[in-house]
C-alpha cells in the first residue's frame, strides 16, 4: 500500500452534540459513529466549536454528523463547512452526510434546504428505495423497504444539479441522495440505537404535542433498524477500497 495513502484518516465532522442527558448515559455522536463504522479511530473535527478542518490531502473520507442546528440558519461555522465539503466532493473524496450532514451537503452543492412542509419526522419509519438505488454502491444492498431511525424538521427541498434521489418516505421525498460518484446523504440516523431514539422523542415530547402529534405513539413504534445501520459499515468498506486502490 502506498504509505501516503495509509496515513490518511476518515474525518468525522461533528456539527453539534447530543442532549446532555443522553450523552451522560450513552455517549455522544462520535461514539455512535465510530462503533457503527467499525473503525479504530477517526479524525474528529468539532466544526460547531469553530475547530479548523484538515487539508483535503490528509483526508481519506468524510462523514458529517447530525445536529440540533438548522442548515437554513446559515451560521458561519456551517457555511465554512459547506465550502470545505464542496471542495471535498469536487476532489472525489468519499463523503457521507447524515441528517444535518445530508442537508449541508445538498446546500453546499447548490440544492435548497428548509423547513419540511410535511412537518416533523421522528422515530422509526419505513424508507423506500427508488429504482436508481438498485445498483448504488452504498444503498444497493438494502431491501426495497427498510426501517430507519429519524429526527428532523428540515429537509432537502430541491436537489443540486446532477444529484440522484435514492430513497423516500411519505413525509420526505429526498430521504437519501447520491450527490456524485463518491458522495451520499441520508436523512436518517444509521448510528441511533433504540434507547437513543427513545430519549430523543421524550426530550422533544412538548414540541411534538404542540404540533398536534402524539409522542407516545412514536415511542410505541420504535424498533431495531439493523439494516439501516449497515450503511455506515458499507461506507467504511467503500473507503477502504478507495484508499487501497
Protein backbone atom coordinates (compact mmCIF):
# COMPACT_ATOMS: atom_id res chain seq x y z
CA UNK A 1 0.00 0.00 0.00
CA UNK A 2 1.19 3.50 -0.75
CA UNK A 3 2.44 4.95 2.58
CA UNK A 4 0.94 8.38 1.87
CA UNK A 5 -2.48 6.82 1.38
CA UNK A 6 -2.10 4.72 4.53
CA UNK A 7 -1.55 7.83 6.65
CA UNK A 8 -4.84 9.39 5.65
CA UNK A 9 -7.78 9.26 8.07
CA UNK A 10 -11.54 9.38 7.94
CA UNK A 11 -12.59 12.86 9.04
CA UNK A 12 -15.68 12.87 11.24
CA UNK A 13 -17.21 16.34 11.07
CA UNK A 14 -19.20 16.91 14.23
CA UNK A 15 -21.86 19.57 13.68
CA UNK A 16 -23.33 19.51 17.16
CA UNK A 17 -23.62 17.47 20.34
CA UNK A 18 -26.37 15.26 21.64
CA UNK A 19 -28.72 16.11 24.52
CA UNK A 20 -26.77 16.24 27.82
CA UNK A 21 -28.87 13.53 29.46
CA UNK A 22 -28.29 11.21 26.52
CA UNK A 23 -24.57 11.97 26.47
CA UNK A 24 -24.26 11.09 30.15
CA UNK A 25 -25.73 7.60 29.66
CA UNK A 26 -24.95 6.67 26.06
CA UNK A 27 -22.06 8.82 24.86
CA UNK A 28 -22.03 11.37 22.04
CA UNK A 29 -22.27 11.36 18.27
CA UNK A 30 -18.66 10.35 17.66
CA UNK A 31 -19.01 7.30 19.93
CA UNK A 32 -22.02 6.01 18.00
CA UNK A 33 -20.47 6.63 14.58
CA UNK A 34 -17.14 5.02 15.42
CA UNK A 35 -18.88 1.95 16.85
CA UNK A 36 -21.23 1.58 13.87
CA UNK A 37 -18.48 2.12 11.30
CA UNK A 38 -16.24 -0.46 12.91
CA UNK A 39 -13.13 1.72 12.80
CA UNK A 40 -10.47 2.08 15.48
CA UNK A 41 -10.47 5.86 15.31
CA UNK A 42 -11.14 8.89 13.20
CA UNK A 43 -10.01 12.48 12.90
CA UNK A 44 -12.74 14.28 14.85
CA UNK A 45 -13.40 17.92 13.97
CA UNK A 46 -15.95 19.85 16.03
CA UNK A 47 -16.85 22.47 13.47
CA UNK A 48 -19.70 23.81 15.62
CA UNK A 49 -16.96 24.87 18.06
CA UNK A 50 -15.09 26.54 15.17
CA UNK A 51 -12.34 23.91 15.07
CA UNK A 52 -10.37 24.05 11.80
CA UNK A 53 -10.95 21.47 9.08
CA UNK A 54 -7.96 19.46 7.82
CA UNK A 55 -6.25 19.72 4.47
CA UNK A 56 -8.05 17.57 1.91
CA UNK A 57 -4.72 15.91 1.07
CA UNK A 58 -4.68 14.41 4.57
CA UNK A 59 -8.24 13.09 4.41
CA UNK A 60 -9.26 9.62 3.24
CA UNK A 61 -13.00 10.21 3.52
CA UNK A 62 -15.58 12.37 5.29
CA UNK A 63 -18.61 11.65 7.46
CA UNK A 64 -20.80 14.55 8.64
CA UNK A 65 -23.00 14.11 11.72
CA UNK A 66 -26.41 15.40 12.64
CA UNK A 67 -27.07 18.50 14.72
CA UNK A 68 -29.75 20.40 16.58
CA UNK A 69 -28.79 23.40 14.42
CA UNK A 70 -30.63 24.28 11.20
CA UNK A 71 -28.84 24.47 7.85
CA UNK A 72 -31.24 27.22 6.76
CA UNK A 73 -29.93 29.48 9.54
CA UNK A 74 -26.61 29.73 7.66
CA UNK A 75 -24.38 30.00 10.73
CA UNK A 76 -20.77 30.98 9.98
CA UNK A 77 -19.27 27.66 11.04
CA UNK A 78 -21.85 25.81 8.94
CA UNK A 79 -21.23 27.90 5.82
CA UNK A 80 -17.45 27.42 6.16
CA UNK A 81 -18.01 23.69 6.46
CA UNK A 82 -20.26 23.74 3.39
CA UNK A 83 -17.48 25.39 1.37
CA UNK A 84 -14.99 22.75 2.55
CA UNK A 85 -17.43 19.94 1.72
CA UNK A 86 -17.95 21.27 -1.78
CA UNK A 87 -14.21 21.10 -2.35
CA UNK A 88 -14.06 17.60 -0.83
CA UNK A 89 -16.74 16.36 -3.25
CA UNK A 90 -15.03 18.05 -6.18
CA UNK A 91 -11.78 16.32 -5.17
CA UNK A 92 -13.53 12.96 -5.41
CA UNK A 93 -13.27 12.05 -1.71
CA UNK A 94 -15.83 9.57 -0.37
CA UNK A 95 -18.33 11.68 1.60
CA UNK A 96 -21.38 10.69 3.65
CA UNK A 97 -23.71 13.22 5.26
CA UNK A 98 -26.17 12.12 7.96
CA UNK A 99 -29.28 14.20 8.80
CA UNK A 100 -27.83 17.72 9.19
CA UNK A 101 -24.84 16.48 7.19
CA UNK A 102 -27.17 15.27 4.43
CA UNK A 103 -28.80 18.68 4.25
CA UNK A 104 -25.50 20.54 4.47
CA UNK A 105 -24.12 18.61 1.51
CA UNK A 106 -27.21 19.46 -0.54
CA UNK A 107 -26.84 23.13 0.37
CA UNK A 108 -23.10 23.10 -0.36
CA UNK A 109 -23.66 21.67 -3.84
CA UNK A 110 -26.42 24.08 -4.89
CA UNK A 111 -29.60 22.47 -3.54
CA UNK A 112 -32.15 24.08 -1.25
CA UNK A 113 -32.81 23.20 2.39
CA UNK A 114 -35.60 24.47 4.64
CA UNK A 115 -38.49 23.51 6.91
CA UNK A 116 -40.22 20.38 5.66
CA UNK A 117 -43.73 21.41 4.53
CA UNK A 118 -44.93 17.97 5.67
CA UNK A 119 -43.79 18.64 9.21
CA UNK A 120 -41.57 16.88 11.72
CA UNK A 121 -40.46 13.30 11.11
CA UNK A 122 -39.33 11.41 14.19
CA UNK A 123 -39.00 7.84 15.40
CA UNK A 124 -38.80 4.58 13.49
CA UNK A 125 -40.15 4.96 9.96
CA UNK A 126 -40.11 2.96 6.73
CA UNK A 127 -37.88 4.18 3.91
CA UNK A 128 -38.45 3.04 0.33
CA UNK A 129 -35.67 2.67 -2.21
CA UNK A 130 -36.16 4.02 -5.71
CA UNK A 131 -35.06 2.21 -8.87
CA UNK A 132 -31.89 4.33 -9.01
CA UNK A 133 -30.68 2.70 -5.79
CA UNK A 134 -30.66 -0.79 -7.28
CA UNK A 135 -27.00 -0.72 -8.25
CA UNK A 136 -25.86 2.00 -5.86
CA UNK A 137 -22.57 1.11 -4.08
CA UNK A 138 -23.82 2.40 -0.73
CA UNK A 139 -27.53 1.55 -0.62
CA UNK A 140 -27.88 -1.13 -3.28
CA UNK A 141 -27.57 -3.97 -0.74
CA UNK A 142 -30.70 -2.87 1.14
CA UNK A 143 -34.20 -4.31 0.55
CA UNK A 144 -36.83 -2.23 -1.28
CA UNK A 145 -38.20 -1.11 2.09
CA UNK A 146 -36.27 -0.88 5.35
CA UNK A 147 -36.72 0.62 8.81
CA UNK A 148 -34.74 3.66 9.94
CA UNK A 149 -34.48 6.00 12.93
CA UNK A 150 -35.03 9.65 12.13
CA UNK A 151 -35.48 13.02 13.82
CA UNK A 152 -35.71 16.19 11.75
CA UNK A 153 -37.94 19.12 10.87
CA UNK A 154 -35.90 20.50 7.94
CA UNK A 155 -35.34 18.63 4.69
CA UNK A 156 -33.69 18.87 1.30
CA UNK A 157 -36.37 20.67 -0.71
CA UNK A 158 -34.53 20.90 -4.04
CA UNK A 159 -31.80 18.62 -5.33
CA UNK A 160 -28.47 20.02 -6.55
CA UNK A 161 -27.76 19.66 -10.25
CA UNK A 162 -26.80 16.08 -11.22
CA UNK A 163 -27.86 14.68 -7.82
CA UNK A 164 -29.94 11.50 -7.82
CA UNK A 165 -32.74 10.65 -5.40
CA UNK A 166 -32.28 7.16 -3.93
CA UNK A 167 -34.91 6.77 -1.20
CA UNK A 168 -38.12 8.38 0.04
CA UNK A 169 -40.55 8.31 2.95
CA UNK A 170 -44.17 9.52 2.95
CA UNK A 171 -43.03 12.81 4.53
CA UNK A 172 -39.73 13.32 2.69
CA UNK A 173 -39.13 12.63 -0.99
CA UNK A 174 -35.40 13.40 -0.74
CA UNK A 175 -34.64 10.98 2.08
CA UNK A 176 -31.43 9.62 0.56
CA UNK A 177 -29.41 11.22 -2.23
CA UNK A 178 -26.35 10.40 -4.28
CA UNK A 179 -24.71 13.74 -4.96
CA UNK A 180 -21.81 12.49 -7.06
CA UNK A 181 -19.90 9.28 -7.78
CA UNK A 182 -18.50 9.18 -4.22
CA UNK A 183 -20.83 11.42 -2.18
CA UNK A 184 -24.10 10.50 -0.47
CA UNK A 185 -26.52 11.92 2.04
CA UNK A 186 -29.07 10.09 4.19
CA UNK A 187 -31.72 11.89 6.23
CA UNK A 188 -31.98 9.00 8.68
CA UNK A 189 -29.67 8.13 11.58
CA UNK A 190 -27.93 4.79 11.00
CA UNK A 191 -25.95 5.39 14.21
CA UNK A 192 -29.01 5.63 16.51
CA UNK A 193 -29.91 2.82 18.92
CA UNK A 194 -33.39 2.17 20.34
CA UNK A 195 -32.54 3.84 23.69
CA UNK A 196 -31.13 6.93 21.96
CA UNK A 197 -34.14 7.24 19.64
CA UNK A 198 -36.49 6.86 22.60
CA UNK A 199 -34.73 9.59 24.56
CA UNK A 200 -34.91 11.99 21.63
CA UNK A 201 -38.68 11.55 21.48
CA UNK A 202 -39.06 12.01 25.23
CA UNK A 203 -36.90 15.13 25.16
CA UNK A 204 -38.95 16.64 22.33
CA UNK A 205 -42.34 15.48 23.64
CA UNK A 206 -43.59 19.01 24.38
CA UNK A 207 -42.71 20.27 20.89
CA UNK A 208 -44.24 17.16 19.35
CA UNK A 209 -47.52 17.71 21.21
CA UNK A 210 -47.52 21.40 20.23
CA UNK A 211 -47.55 20.25 16.60
CA UNK A 212 -50.61 18.10 17.20
CA UNK A 213 -48.68 14.83 17.27
CA UNK A 214 -48.52 12.11 19.92
CA UNK A 215 -45.04 11.28 21.32
CA UNK A 216 -46.40 8.11 22.95
CA UNK A 217 -47.43 6.85 19.51
CA UNK A 218 -43.90 7.39 18.20
CA UNK A 219 -42.42 5.68 21.26
CA UNK A 220 -44.64 2.63 20.75
CA UNK A 221 -43.39 2.22 17.17
CA UNK A 222 -39.66 2.21 17.91
CA UNK A 223 -37.90 -0.98 16.84
CA UNK A 224 -34.50 -2.22 15.70
CA UNK A 225 -33.09 -0.79 12.47
CA UNK A 226 -30.21 -3.17 11.82
CA UNK A 227 -30.44 -2.84 8.03
CA UNK A 228 -30.07 0.94 8.21
CA UNK A 229 -27.04 0.55 10.47
CA UNK A 230 -25.23 -1.41 7.73
CA UNK A 231 -24.98 1.79 5.67
CA UNK A 232 -22.13 3.01 7.89
CA UNK A 233 -20.35 -0.35 7.64
CA UNK A 234 -20.80 -0.28 3.86
CA UNK A 235 -19.38 3.25 3.65
CA UNK A 236 -16.32 2.17 5.63
CA UNK A 237 -15.79 -0.70 3.18
CA UNK A 238 -16.02 1.69 0.22
CA UNK A 239 -13.47 3.98 1.87
CA UNK A 240 -11.04 1.12 2.39
CA UNK A 241 -11.37 0.12 -1.25
CA UNK A 242 -10.78 3.71 -2.38
CA UNK A 243 -7.72 4.16 -0.16
CA UNK A 244 -6.04 0.88 -1.20
CA UNK A 245 -6.80 1.15 -4.94
